[in-house]
Amino acid sequence: GSGQNSNAKICKLVSLGKSTQDRDIWAVKITDKLSKEENEPE
């Protein structure tokens, strides 16, 4: 994702919010254009 290396930047880690005990509920987004909304199914 955001790392400075030669790997394809296709991954983004997002905290959707917190659990009852304040733990992050993580979501991983994987697509070829992370910041662009495309005509493709989610």
PDB file of all heavy atoms in Angstrom:
ATOM      1  N   GLY A   1       0.812  -1.201   0.000  1.00  0.00           N
ATOM      2  CA  GLY A   1       0.000   0.000   0.000  1.00  0.00           C
ATOM      3  C   GLY A   1       0.846   1.251   0.000  1.00  0.00           C
ATOM      4  O   GLY A   1       1.376   1.671  -1.012  1.00  0.00           O
ATOM      5  N   SER A   2       1.052   1.804   1.178  1.00  0.00           N
ATOM      6  CA  SER A   2       1.758   3.079   1.282  1.00  0.00           C
ATOM      7  C   SER A   2       3.261   2.915   1.449  1.00  0.00           C
ATOM      8  O   SER A   2       3.990   3.903   1.452  1.00  0.00           O
ATOM      9  CB  SER A   2       1.204   3.871   2.472  1.00  0.00           C
ATOM     10  OG  SER A   2       1.363   3.120   3.670  1.00  0.00           O
ATOM     11  N   GLY A   3       3.720   1.671   1.585  1.00  0.00           N
ATOM     12  CA  GLY A   3       5.149   1.466   1.777  1.00  0.00           C
ATOM     13  C   GLY A   3       5.977   1.912   0.573  1.00  0.00           C
ATOM     14  O   GLY A   3       5.539   1.843  -0.572  1.00  0.00           O
ATOM     15  N   GLN A   4       7.195   2.356   0.830  1.00  0.00           N
ATOM     16  CA  GLN A   4       8.064   2.843  -0.241  1.00  0.00           C
ATOM     17  C   GLN A   4       8.893   1.678  -0.799  1.00  0.00           C
ATOM     18  O   GLN A   4      10.058   1.494  -0.475  1.00  0.00           O
ATOM     19  CB  GLN A   4       8.971   3.946   0.308  1.00  0.00           C
ATOM     20  CG  GLN A   4       8.231   5.146   0.850  1.00  0.00           C
ATOM     21  CD  GLN A   4       7.368   5.806  -0.210  1.00  0.00           C
ATOM     22  OE1 GLN A   4       7.814   6.046  -1.325  1.00  0.00           O
ATOM     23  NE2 GLN A   4       6.118   6.080   0.139  1.00  0.00           N
ATOM     24  N   ASN A   5       8.258   0.866  -1.633  1.00  0.00           N
ATOM     25  CA  ASN A   5       8.981  -0.220  -2.285  1.00  0.00           C
ATOM     26  C   ASN A   5       8.390  -0.443  -3.664  1.00  0.00           C
ATOM     27  O   ASN A   5       7.511   0.299  -4.104  1.00  0.00           O
ATOM     28  CB  ASN A   5       8.943  -1.506  -1.432  1.00  0.00           C
ATOM     29  CG  ASN A   5       7.510  -1.921  -1.094  1.00  0.00           C
ATOM     30  OD1 ASN A   5       6.628  -1.837  -1.928  1.00  0.00           O
ATOM     31  ND2 ASN A   5       7.299  -2.346   0.149  1.00  0.00           N
ATOM     32  N   SER A   6       8.834  -1.474  -4.327  1.00  0.00           N
ATOM     33  CA  SER A   6       8.433  -1.680  -5.719  1.00  0.00           C
ATOM     34  C   SER A   6       7.150  -2.483  -5.867  1.00  0.00           C
ATOM     35  O   SER A   6       6.678  -2.692  -6.979  1.00  0.00           O
ATOM     36  CB  SER A   6       9.564  -2.398  -6.475  1.00  0.00           C
ATOM     37  OG  SER A   6       9.840  -3.654  -5.869  1.00  0.00           O
ATOM     38  N   ASN A   7       6.578  -2.956  -4.766  1.00  0.00           N
ATOM     39  CA  ASN A   7       5.349  -3.738  -4.858  1.00  0.00           C
ATOM     40  C   ASN A   7       4.198  -2.882  -5.371  1.00  0.00           C
ATOM     41  O   ASN A   7       4.137  -1.675  -5.125  1.00  0.00           O
ATOM     42  CB  ASN A   7       4.965  -4.319  -3.490  1.00  0.00           C
ATOM     43  CG  ASN A   7       5.920  -5.402  -3.045  1.00  0.00           C
ATOM     44  OD1 ASN A   7       6.495  -6.114  -3.867  1.00  0.00           O
ATOM     45  ND2 ASN A   7       6.098  -5.532  -1.732  1.00  0.00           N
ATOM     46  N   ALA A   8       3.264  -3.519  -6.062  1.00  0.00           N
ATOM     47  CA  ALA A   8       2.075  -2.807  -6.542  1.00  0.00           C
ATOM     48  C   ALA A   8       1.299  -2.266  -5.352  1.00  0.00           C
ATOM     49  O   ALA A   8       1.095  -2.957  -4.360  1.00  0.00           O
ATOM     50  CB  ALA A   8       1.205  -3.759  -7.361  1.00  0.00           C
ATOM     51  N   LYS A   9       0.854  -1.020  -5.451  1.00  0.00           N
ATOM     52  CA  LYS A   9       0.115  -0.396  -4.354  1.00  0.00           C
ATOM     53  C   LYS A   9      -1.374  -0.679  -4.543  1.00  0.00           C
ATOM     54  O   LYS A   9      -2.111   0.096  -5.151  1.00  0.00           O
ATOM     55  CB  LYS A   9       0.433   1.095  -4.300  1.00  0.00           C
ATOM     56  CG  LYS A   9       1.883   1.347  -3.868  1.00  0.00           C
ATOM     57  CD  LYS A   9       2.258   2.798  -3.919  1.00  0.00           C
ATOM     58  CE  LYS A   9       3.637   3.010  -3.304  1.00  0.00           C
ATOM     59  NZ  LYS A   9       4.687   2.106  -3.814  1.00  0.00           N
ATOM     60  N   ILE A  10      -1.784  -1.812  -4.022  1.00  0.00           N
ATOM     61  CA  ILE A  10      -3.158  -2.281  -4.240  1.00  0.00           C
ATOM     62  C   ILE A  10      -3.878  -2.572  -2.931  1.00  0.00           C
ATOM     63  O   ILE A  10      -4.980  -3.123  -2.938  1.00  0.00           O
ATOM     64  CB  ILE A  10      -3.169  -3.544  -5.127  1.00  0.00           C
ATOM     65  CG1 ILE A  10      -2.317  -4.650  -4.499  1.00  0.00           C
ATOM     66  CG2 ILE A  10      -2.693  -3.222  -6.544  1.00  0.00           C
ATOM     67  CD1 ILE A  10      -2.422  -5.992  -5.207  1.00  0.00           C
ATOM     68  N   CYS A  11      -3.284  -2.209  -1.807  1.00  0.00           N
ATOM     69  CA  CYS A  11      -3.839  -2.590  -0.502  1.00  0.00           C
ATOM     70  C   CYS A  11      -3.917  -1.387   0.422  1.00  0.00           C
ATOM     71  O   CYS A  11      -2.964  -0.612   0.533  1.00  0.00           O
ATOM     72  CB  CYS A  11      -2.974  -3.686   0.129  1.00  0.00           C
ATOM     73  SG  CYS A  11      -3.418  -4.142   1.811  1.00  0.00           S
ATOM     74  N   LYS A  12      -5.045  -1.273   1.108  1.00  0.00           N
ATOM     75  CA  LYS A  12      -5.231  -0.203   2.083  1.00  0.00           C
ATOM     76  C   LYS A  12      -5.875  -0.786   3.329  1.00  0.00           C
ATOM     77  O   LYS A  12      -6.841  -1.541   3.239  1.00  0.00           O
ATOM     78  CB  LYS A  12      -6.121   0.894   1.494  1.00  0.00           C
ATOM     79  CG  LYS A  12      -6.375   2.075   2.425  1.00  0.00           C
ATOM     80  CD  LYS A  12      -7.253   3.113   1.728  1.00  0.00           C
ATOM     81  CE  LYS A  12      -7.514   4.309   2.628  1.00  0.00           C
ATOM     82  NZ  LYS A  12      -8.377   5.322   1.955  1.00  0.00           N
ATOM     83  N   LEU A  13      -5.340  -0.443   4.498  1.00  0.00           N
ATOM     84  CA  LEU A  13      -5.883  -0.902   5.774  1.00  0.00           C
ATOM     85  C   LEU A  13      -6.660   0.233   6.419  1.00  0.00           C
ATOM     86  O   LEU A  13      -6.157   1.343   6.559  1.00  0.00           O
ATOM     87  CB  LEU A  13      -4.761  -1.363   6.698  1.00  0.00           C
ATOM     88  CG  LEU A  13      -5.177  -1.877   8.079  1.00  0.00           C
ATOM     89  CD1 LEU A  13      -6.047  -3.119   7.957  1.00  0.00           C
ATOM     90  CD2 LEU A  13      -3.935  -2.159   8.937  1.00  0.00           C
ATOM     91  N   VAL A  14      -7.909  -0.051   6.799  1.00  0.00           N
ATOM     92  CA  VAL A  14      -8.803   0.965   7.343  1.00  0.00           C
ATOM     93  C   VAL A  14      -9.413   0.449   8.645  1.00  0.00           C
ATOM     94  O   VAL A  14      -9.840  -0.710   8.720  1.00  0.00           O
ATOM     95  CB  VAL A  14      -9.941   1.294   6.352  1.00  0.00           C
ATOM     96  CG1 VAL A  14     -10.891   2.327   6.941  1.00  0.00           C
ATOM     97  CG2 VAL A  14      -9.387   1.772   5.021  1.00  0.00           C
ATOM     98  N   SER A  15      -9.464   1.302   9.648  1.00  0.00           N
ATOM     99  CA  SER A  15     -10.239   0.984  10.848  1.00  0.00           C
ATOM    100  C   SER A  15     -11.659   1.480  10.625  1.00  0.00           C
ATOM    101  O   SER A  15     -11.886   2.684  10.454  1.00  0.00           O
ATOM    102  CB  SER A  15      -9.640   1.639  12.093  1.00  0.00           C
ATOM    103  OG  SER A  15     -10.491   1.428  13.211  1.00  0.00           O
ATOM    104  N   LEU A  16     -12.619   0.560  10.634  1.00  0.00           N
ATOM    105  CA  LEU A  16     -14.015   0.941  10.413  1.00  0.00           C
ATOM    106  C   LEU A  16     -14.622   1.583  11.660  1.00  0.00           C
ATOM    107  O   LEU A  16     -15.626   2.293  11.571  1.00  0.00           O
ATOM    108  CB  LEU A  16     -14.833  -0.293  10.026  1.00  0.00           C
ATOM    109  CG  LEU A  16     -14.386  -1.037   8.772  1.00  0.00           C
ATOM    110  CD1 LEU A  16     -15.306  -2.228   8.519  1.00  0.00           C
ATOM    111  CD2 LEU A  16     -14.349  -0.118   7.562  1.00  0.00           C
ATOM    112  N   GLY A  17     -14.024   1.326  12.807  1.00  0.00           N
ATOM    113  CA  GLY A  17     -14.543   1.822  14.074  1.00  0.00           C
ATOM    114  C   GLY A  17     -14.040   0.931  15.196  1.00  0.00           C
ATOM    115  O   GLY A  17     -13.150   0.102  15.002  1.00  0.00           O
ATOM    116  N   LYS A  18     -14.602   1.106  16.366  1.00  0.00           N
ATOM    117  CA  LYS A  18     -14.114   0.424  17.554  1.00  0.00           C
ATOM    118  C   LYS A  18     -15.127  -0.586  18.085  1.00  0.00           C
ATOM    119  O   LYS A  18     -16.341  -0.399  17.989  1.00  0.00           O
ATOM    120  CB  LYS A  18     -13.807   1.442  18.652  1.00  0.00           C
ATOM    121  CG  LYS A  18     -12.715   2.448  18.294  1.00  0.00           C
ATOM    122  CD  LYS A  18     -11.338   1.817  18.309  1.00  0.00           C
ATOM    123  CE  LYS A  18     -10.246   2.879  18.159  1.00  0.00           C
ATOM    124  NZ  LYS A  18      -8.892   2.304  18.282  1.00  0.00           N
ATOM    125  N   SER A  19     -14.597  -1.643  18.687  1.00  0.00           N
ATOM    126  CA  SER A  19     -15.425  -2.629  19.373  1.00  0.00           C
ATOM    127  C   SER A  19     -15.854  -2.085  20.723  1.00  0.00           C
ATOM    128  O   SER A  19     -15.467  -0.986  21.134  1.00  0.00           O
ATOM    129  CB  SER A  19     -14.645  -3.933  19.552  1.00  0.00           C
ATOM    130  OG  SER A  19     -13.599  -3.740  20.509  1.00  0.00           O
ATOM    131  N   THR A  20     -16.629  -2.866  21.455  1.00  0.00           N
ATOM    132  CA  THR A  20     -17.082  -2.462  22.784  1.00  0.00           C
ATOM    133  C   THR A  20     -15.910  -2.158  23.699  1.00  0.00           C
ATOM    134  O   THR A  20     -15.946  -1.215  24.491  1.00  0.00           O
ATOM    135  CB  THR A  20     -17.956  -3.569  23.397  1.00  0.00           C
ATOM    136  OG1 THR A  20     -19.057  -3.831  22.527  1.00  0.00           O
ATOM    137  CG2 THR A  20     -18.495  -3.155  24.756  1.00  0.00           C
ATOM    138  N   GLN A  21     -14.837  -2.942  23.588  1.00  0.00           N
ATOM    139  CA  GLN A  21     -13.650  -2.736  24.416  1.00  0.00           C
ATOM    140  C   GLN A  21     -12.575  -1.918  23.703  1.00  0.00           C
ATOM    141  O   GLN A  21     -11.397  -1.989  24.055  1.00  0.00           O
ATOM    142  CB  GLN A  21     -13.085  -4.091  24.865  1.00  0.00           C
ATOM    143  CG  GLN A  21     -13.989  -4.821  25.850  1.00  0.00           C
ATOM    144  CD  GLN A  21     -13.328  -6.061  26.418  1.00  0.00           C
ATOM    145  OE1 GLN A  21     -12.939  -6.963  25.684  1.00  0.00           O
ATOM    146  NE2 GLN A  21     -13.190  -6.103  27.742  1.00  0.00           N
ATOM    147  N   ASP A  22     -12.994  -1.144  22.721  1.00  0.00           N
ATOM    148  CA  ASP A  22     -12.129  -0.157  22.071  1.00  0.00           C
ATOM    149  C   ASP A  22     -11.032  -0.780  21.207  1.00  0.00           C
ATOM    150  O   ASP A  22      -9.952  -0.198  21.038  1.00  0.00           O
ATOM    151  CB  ASP A  22     -11.503   0.784  23.114  1.00  0.00           C
ATOM    152  CG  ASP A  22     -11.131   2.137  22.509  1.00  0.00           C
ATOM    153  OD1 ASP A  22     -11.903   2.628  21.659  1.00  0.00           O
ATOM    154  OD2 ASP A  22     -10.079   2.685  22.872  1.00  0.00           O
ATOM    155  N   ARG A  23     -11.280  -1.939  20.643  1.00  0.00           N
ATOM    156  CA  ARG A  23     -10.355  -2.513  19.668  1.00  0.00           C
ATOM    157  C   ARG A  23     -10.805  -2.114  18.260  1.00  0.00           C
ATOM    158  O   ARG A  23     -11.995  -2.020  17.987  1.00  0.00           O
ATOM    159  CB  ARG A  23     -10.312  -4.035  19.795  1.00  0.00           C
ATOM    160  CG  ARG A  23      -9.719  -4.520  21.110  1.00  0.00           C
ATOM    161  CD  ARG A  23      -9.614  -6.044  21.144  1.00  0.00           C
ATOM    162  NE  ARG A  23      -8.918  -6.504  22.351  1.00  0.00           N
ATOM    163  CZ  ARG A  23      -9.518  -6.880  23.480  1.00  0.00           C
ATOM    164  NH1 ARG A  23     -10.850  -6.855  23.559  1.00  0.00           N
ATOM    165  NH2 ARG A  23      -8.813  -7.277  24.522  1.00  0.00           N
ATOM    166  N   ASP A  24      -9.848  -1.920  17.373  1.00  0.00           N
ATOM    167  CA  ASP A  24     -10.171  -1.569  15.991  1.00  0.00           C
ATOM    168  C   ASP A  24     -10.816  -2.745  15.267  1.00  0.00           C
ATOM    169  O   ASP A  24     -10.390  -3.905  15.426  1.00  0.00           O
ATOM    170  CB  ASP A  24      -8.913  -1.163  15.227  1.00  0.00           C
ATOM    171  CG  ASP A  24      -8.405   0.204  15.639  1.00  0.00           C
ATOM    172  OD1 ASP A  24      -9.119   1.183  15.381  1.00  0.00           O
ATOM    173  OD2 ASP A  24      -7.305   0.269  16.224  1.00  0.00           O
ATOM    174  N   ILE A  25     -11.841  -2.449  14.478  1.00  0.00           N
ATOM    175  CA  ILE A  25     -12.416  -3.431  13.561  1.00  0.00           C
ATOM    176  C   ILE A  25     -11.809  -3.120  12.197  1.00  0.00           C
ATOM    177  O   ILE A  25     -12.179  -2.148  11.534  1.00  0.00           O
ATOM    178  CB  ILE A  25     -13.947  -3.350  13.540  1.00  0.00           C
ATOM    179  CG1 ILE A  25     -14.493  -3.650  14.938  1.00  0.00           C
ATOM    180  CG2 ILE A  25     -14.532  -4.315  12.505  1.00  0.00           C
ATOM    181  CD1 ILE A  25     -15.996  -3.498  15.072  1.00  0.00           C
ATOM    182  N   TRP A  26     -10.845  -3.940  11.806  1.00  0.00           N
ATOM    183  CA  TRP A  26     -10.049  -3.663  10.612  1.00  0.00           C
ATOM    184  C   TRP A  26     -10.733  -4.133   9.334  1.00  0.00           C
ATOM    185  O   TRP A  26     -11.379  -5.179   9.314  1.00  0.00           O
ATOM    186  CB  TRP A  26      -8.689  -4.346  10.713  1.00  0.00           C
ATOM    187  CG  TRP A  26      -7.807  -3.875  11.821  1.00  0.00           C
ATOM    188  CD1 TRP A  26      -7.388  -4.581  12.908  1.00  0.00           C
ATOM    189  CD2 TRP A  26      -7.196  -2.571  11.938  1.00  0.00           C
ATOM    190  NE1 TRP A  26      -6.567  -3.817  13.703  1.00  0.00           N
ATOM    191  CE2 TRP A  26      -6.437  -2.579  13.129  1.00  0.00           C
ATOM    192  CE3 TRP A  26      -7.237  -1.420  11.160  1.00  0.00           C
ATOM    193  CZ2 TRP A  26      -5.711  -1.480  13.557  1.00  0.00           C
ATOM    194  CZ3 TRP A  26      -6.512  -0.316  11.588  1.00  0.00           C
ATOM    195  CH2 TRP A  26      -5.760  -0.344  12.767  1.00  0.00           C
ATOM    196  N   ALA A  27     -10.539  -3.360   8.279  1.00  0.00           N
ATOM    197  CA  ALA A  27     -10.975  -3.751   6.939  1.00  0.00           C
ATOM    198  C   ALA A  27      -9.815  -3.541   5.978  1.00  0.00           C
ATOM    199  O   ALA A  27      -9.124  -2.512   6.040  1.00  0.00           O
ATOM    200  CB  ALA A  27     -12.179  -2.933   6.493  1.00  0.00           C
ATOM    201  N   VAL A  28      -9.601  -4.497   5.112  1.00  0.00           N
ATOM    202  CA  VAL A  28      -8.566  -4.405   4.087  1.00  0.00           C
ATOM    203  C   VAL A  28      -9.249  -4.183   2.740  1.00  0.00           C
ATOM    204  O   VAL A  28     -10.126  -4.959   2.347  1.00  0.00           O
ATOM    205  CB  VAL A  28      -7.711  -5.687   4.039  1.00  0.00           C
ATOM    206  CG1 VAL A  28      -6.688  -5.613   2.914  1.00  0.00           C
ATOM    207  CG2 VAL A  28      -7.014  -5.903   5.377  1.00  0.00           C
ATOM    208  N   LYS A  29      -8.847  -3.125   2.060  1.00  0.00           N
ATOM    209  CA  LYS A  29      -9.352  -2.844   0.712  1.00  0.00           C
ATOM    210  C   LYS A  29      -8.268  -3.226  -0.287  1.00  0.00           C
ATOM    211  O   LYS A  29      -7.123  -2.791  -0.178  1.00  0.00           O
ATOM    212  CB  LYS A  29      -9.695  -1.357   0.573  1.00  0.00           C
ATOM    213  CG  LYS A  29     -10.197  -0.963  -0.813  1.00  0.00           C
ATOM    214  CD  LYS A  29     -10.474   0.545  -0.887  1.00  0.00           C
ATOM    215  CE  LYS A  29     -10.961   0.960  -2.261  1.00  0.00           C
ATOM    216  NZ  LYS A  29     -11.216   2.429  -2.341  1.00  0.00           N
ATOM    217  N   ILE A  30      -8.645  -4.046  -1.286  1.00  0.00           N
ATOM    218  CA  ILE A  30      -7.695  -4.484  -2.303  1.00  0.00           C
ATOM    219  C   ILE A  30      -8.296  -4.227  -3.684  1.00  0.00           C
ATOM    220  O   ILE A  30      -9.352  -4.766  -4.027  1.00  0.00           O
ATOM    221  CB  ILE A  30      -7.349  -5.981  -2.145  1.00  0.00           C
ATOM    222  CG1 ILE A  30      -6.704  -6.234  -0.774  1.00  0.00           C
ATOM    223  CG2 ILE A  30      -6.407  -6.435  -3.267  1.00  0.00           C
ATOM    224  CD1 ILE A  30      -6.406  -7.702  -0.493  1.00  0.00           C
ATOM    225  N   THR A  31      -7.642  -3.390  -4.445  1.00  0.00           N
ATOM    226  CA  THR A  31      -8.054  -3.096  -5.818  1.00  0.00           C
ATOM    227  C   THR A  31      -6.904  -2.380  -6.499  1.00  0.00           C
ATOM    228  O   THR A  31      -5.966  -1.922  -5.840  1.00  0.00           O
ATOM    229  CB  THR A  31      -9.342  -2.266  -5.860  1.00  0.00           C
ATOM    230  OG1 THR A  31      -9.844  -2.197  -7.198  1.00  0.00           O
ATOM    231  CG2 THR A  31      -9.120  -0.861  -5.326  1.00  0.00           C
ATOM    232  N   ASP A  32      -6.976  -2.252  -7.824  1.00  0.00           N
ATOM    233  CA  ASP A  32      -5.817  -1.703  -8.532  1.00  0.00           C
ATOM    234  C   ASP A  32      -5.733  -0.183  -8.445  1.00  0.00           C
ATOM    235  O   ASP A  32      -4.663   0.390  -8.600  1.00  0.00           O
ATOM    236  CB  ASP A  32      -5.816  -2.154  -9.992  1.00  0.00           C
ATOM    237  CG  ASP A  32      -7.005  -1.621 -10.776  1.00  0.00           C
ATOM    238  OD1 ASP A  32      -8.085  -1.472 -10.176  1.00  0.00           O
ATOM    239  OD2 ASP A  32      -6.867  -1.366 -11.986  1.00  0.00           O
ATOM    240  N   LYS A  33      -6.843   0.490  -8.201  1.00  0.00           N
ATOM    241  CA  LYS A  33      -6.840   1.952  -8.088  1.00  0.00           C
ATOM    242  C   LYS A  33      -7.498   2.321  -6.761  1.00  0.00           C
ATOM    243  O   LYS A  33      -8.703   2.544  -6.686  1.00  0.00           O
ATOM    244  CB  LYS A  33      -7.568   2.586  -9.275  1.00  0.00           C
ATOM    245  CG  LYS A  33      -6.880   2.348 -10.621  1.00  0.00           C
ATOM    246  CD  LYS A  33      -7.649   3.016 -11.757  1.00  0.00           C
ATOM    247  CE  LYS A  33      -6.932   2.831 -13.094  1.00  0.00           C
ATOM    248  NZ  LYS A  33      -6.847   1.419 -13.506  1.00  0.00           N
ATOM    249  N   LEU A  34      -6.688   2.373  -5.726  1.00  0.00           N
ATOM    250  CA  LEU A  34      -7.201   2.507  -4.364  1.00  0.00           C
ATOM    251  C   LEU A  34      -7.961   3.798  -4.134  1.00  0.00           C
ATOM    252  O   LEU A  34      -8.925   3.828  -3.366  1.00  0.00           O
ATOM    253  CB  LEU A  34      -6.040   2.424  -3.372  1.00  0.00           C
ATOM    254  CG  LEU A  34      -5.423   1.039  -3.167  1.00  0.00           C
ATOM    255  CD1 LEU A  34      -4.160   1.153  -2.339  1.00  0.00           C
ATOM    256  CD2 LEU A  34      -6.411   0.086  -2.518  1.00  0.00           C
ATOM    257  N   SER A  35      -7.575   4.873  -4.782  1.00  0.00           N
ATOM    258  CA  SER A  35      -8.191   6.175  -4.508  1.00  0.00           C
ATOM    259  C   SER A  35      -9.212   6.587  -5.558  1.00  0.00           C
ATOM    260  O   SER A  35      -9.772   7.684  -5.471  1.00  0.00           O
ATOM    261  CB  SER A  35      -7.101   7.253  -4.419  1.00  0.00           C
ATOM    262  OG  SER A  35      -6.377   7.336  -5.633  1.00  0.00           O
ATOM    263  N   LYS A  36      -9.484   5.733  -6.519  1.00  0.00           N
ATOM    264  CA  LYS A  36     -10.405   6.081  -7.596  1.00  0.00           C
ATOM    265  C   LYS A  36     -11.653   5.203  -7.545  1.00  0.00           C
ATOM    266  O   LYS A  36     -11.550   3.985  -7.391  1.00  0.00           O
ATOM    267  CB  LYS A  36      -9.726   5.935  -8.960  1.00  0.00           C
ATOM    268  CG  LYS A  36     -10.600   6.346 -10.136  1.00  0.00           C
ATOM    269  CD  LYS A  36      -9.843   6.208 -11.451  1.00  0.00           C
ATOM    270  CE  LYS A  36     -10.727   6.614 -12.627  1.00  0.00           C
ATOM    271  NZ  LYS A  36     -10.025   6.472 -13.925  1.00  0.00           N
ATOM    272  N   GLU A  37     -12.808   5.838  -7.692  1.00  0.00           N
ATOM    273  CA  GLU A  37     -14.061   5.086  -7.746  1.00  0.00           C
ATOM    274  C   GLU A  37     -14.300   4.661  -9.193  1.00  0.00           C
ATOM    275  O   GLU A  37     -14.386   5.500 -10.087  1.00  0.00           O
ATOM    276  CB  GLU A  37     -15.217   5.946  -7.245  1.00  0.00           C
ATOM    277  CG  GLU A  37     -16.485   5.145  -7.011  1.00  0.00           C
ATOM    278  CD  GLU A  37     -17.476   5.898  -6.139  1.00  0.00           C
ATOM    279  OE1 GLU A  37     -17.182   7.026  -5.727  1.00  0.00           O
ATOM    280  OE2 GLU A  37     -18.550   5.325  -5.875  1.00  0.00           O
ATOM    281  N   GLU A  38     -14.401   3.364  -9.404  1.00  0.00           N
ATOM    282  CA  GLU A  38     -14.507   2.833 -10.764  1.00  0.00           C
ATOM    283  C   GLU A  38     -15.856   2.153 -10.989  1.00  0.00           C
ATOM    284  O   GLU A  38     -16.578   1.821 -10.046  1.00  0.00           O
ATOM    285  CB  GLU A  38     -13.393   1.827 -11.022  1.00  0.00           C
ATOM    286  CG  GLU A  38     -11.993   2.408 -10.948  1.00  0.00           C
ATOM    287  CD  GLU A  38     -10.950   1.381 -11.322  1.00  0.00           C
ATOM    288  OE1 GLU A  38     -10.628   1.283 -12.522  1.00  0.00           O
ATOM    289  OE2 GLU A  38     -10.471   0.665 -10.422  1.00  0.00           O
ATOM    290  N   ASN A  39     -16.149   1.922 -12.245  1.00  0.00           N
ATOM    291  CA  ASN A  39     -17.340   1.166 -12.617  1.00  0.00           C
ATOM    292  C   ASN A  39     -17.034  -0.316 -12.467  1.00  0.00           C
ATOM    293  O   ASN A  39     -16.741  -1.016 -13.437  1.00  0.00           O
ATOM    294  CB  ASN A  39     -17.747   1.502 -14.055  1.00  0.00           C
ATOM    295  CG  ASN A  39     -18.926   0.659 -14.539  1.00  0.00           C
ATOM    296  OD1 ASN A  39     -19.611   0.015 -13.747  1.00  0.00           O
ATOM    297  ND2 ASN A  39     -19.153   0.635 -15.845  1.00  0.00           N
ATOM    298  N   GLU A  40     -17.059  -0.769 -11.225  1.00  0.00           N
ATOM    299  CA  GLU A  40     -16.774  -2.171 -10.940  1.00  0.00           C
ATOM    300  C   GLU A  40     -17.519  -2.572  -9.668  1.00  0.00           C
ATOM    301  O   GLU A  40     -17.811  -1.733  -8.815  1.00  0.00           O
ATOM    302  CB  GLU A  40     -15.277  -2.410 -10.770  1.00  0.00           C
ATOM    303  CG  GLU A  40     -14.621  -1.612  -9.660  1.00  0.00           C
ATOM    304  CD  GLU A  40     -13.109  -1.774  -9.634  1.00  0.00           C
ATOM    305  OE1 GLU A  40     -12.537  -2.199 -10.650  1.00  0.00           O
ATOM    306  OE2 GLU A  40     -12.507  -1.472  -8.585  1.00  0.00           O
ATOM    307  N   PRO A  41     -17.861  -3.848  -9.537  1.00  0.00           N
ATOM    308  CA  PRO A  41     -18.612  -4.288  -8.352  1.00  0.00           C
ATOM    309  C   PRO A  41     -17.771  -4.232  -7.094  1.00  0.00           C
ATOM    310  O   PRO A  41     -16.552  -4.428  -7.122  1.00  0.00           O
ATOM    311  CB  PRO A  41     -19.000  -5.728  -8.699  1.00  0.00           C
ATOM    312  CG  PRO A  41     -17.980  -6.173  -9.693  1.00  0.00           C
ATOM    313  CD  PRO A  41     -17.611  -4.950 -10.490  1.00  0.00           C
ATOM    314  N   GLU A  42     -18.444  -3.960  -5.975  1.00  0.00           N
ATOM    315  CA  GLU A  42     -17.808  -3.987  -4.664  1.00  0.00           C
ATOM    316  C   GLU A  42     -18.154  -5.318  -4.001  1.00  0.00           C
ATOM    317  O   GLU A  42     -19.331  -5.682  -3.883  1.00  0.00           O
ATOM    318  CB  GLU A  42     -18.281  -2.815  -3.812  1.00  0.00           C
ATOM    319  CG  GLU A  42     -17.891  -1.464  -4.386  1.00  0.00           C
ATOM    320  CD  GLU A  42     -18.349  -0.305  -3.536  1.00  0.00           C
ATOM    321  OE1 GLU A  42     -18.375  -0.450  -2.291  1.00  0.00           O
ATOM    322  OE2 GLU A  42     -18.703   0.742  -4.105  1.00  0.00           O
TER     323      GLU A  42
END
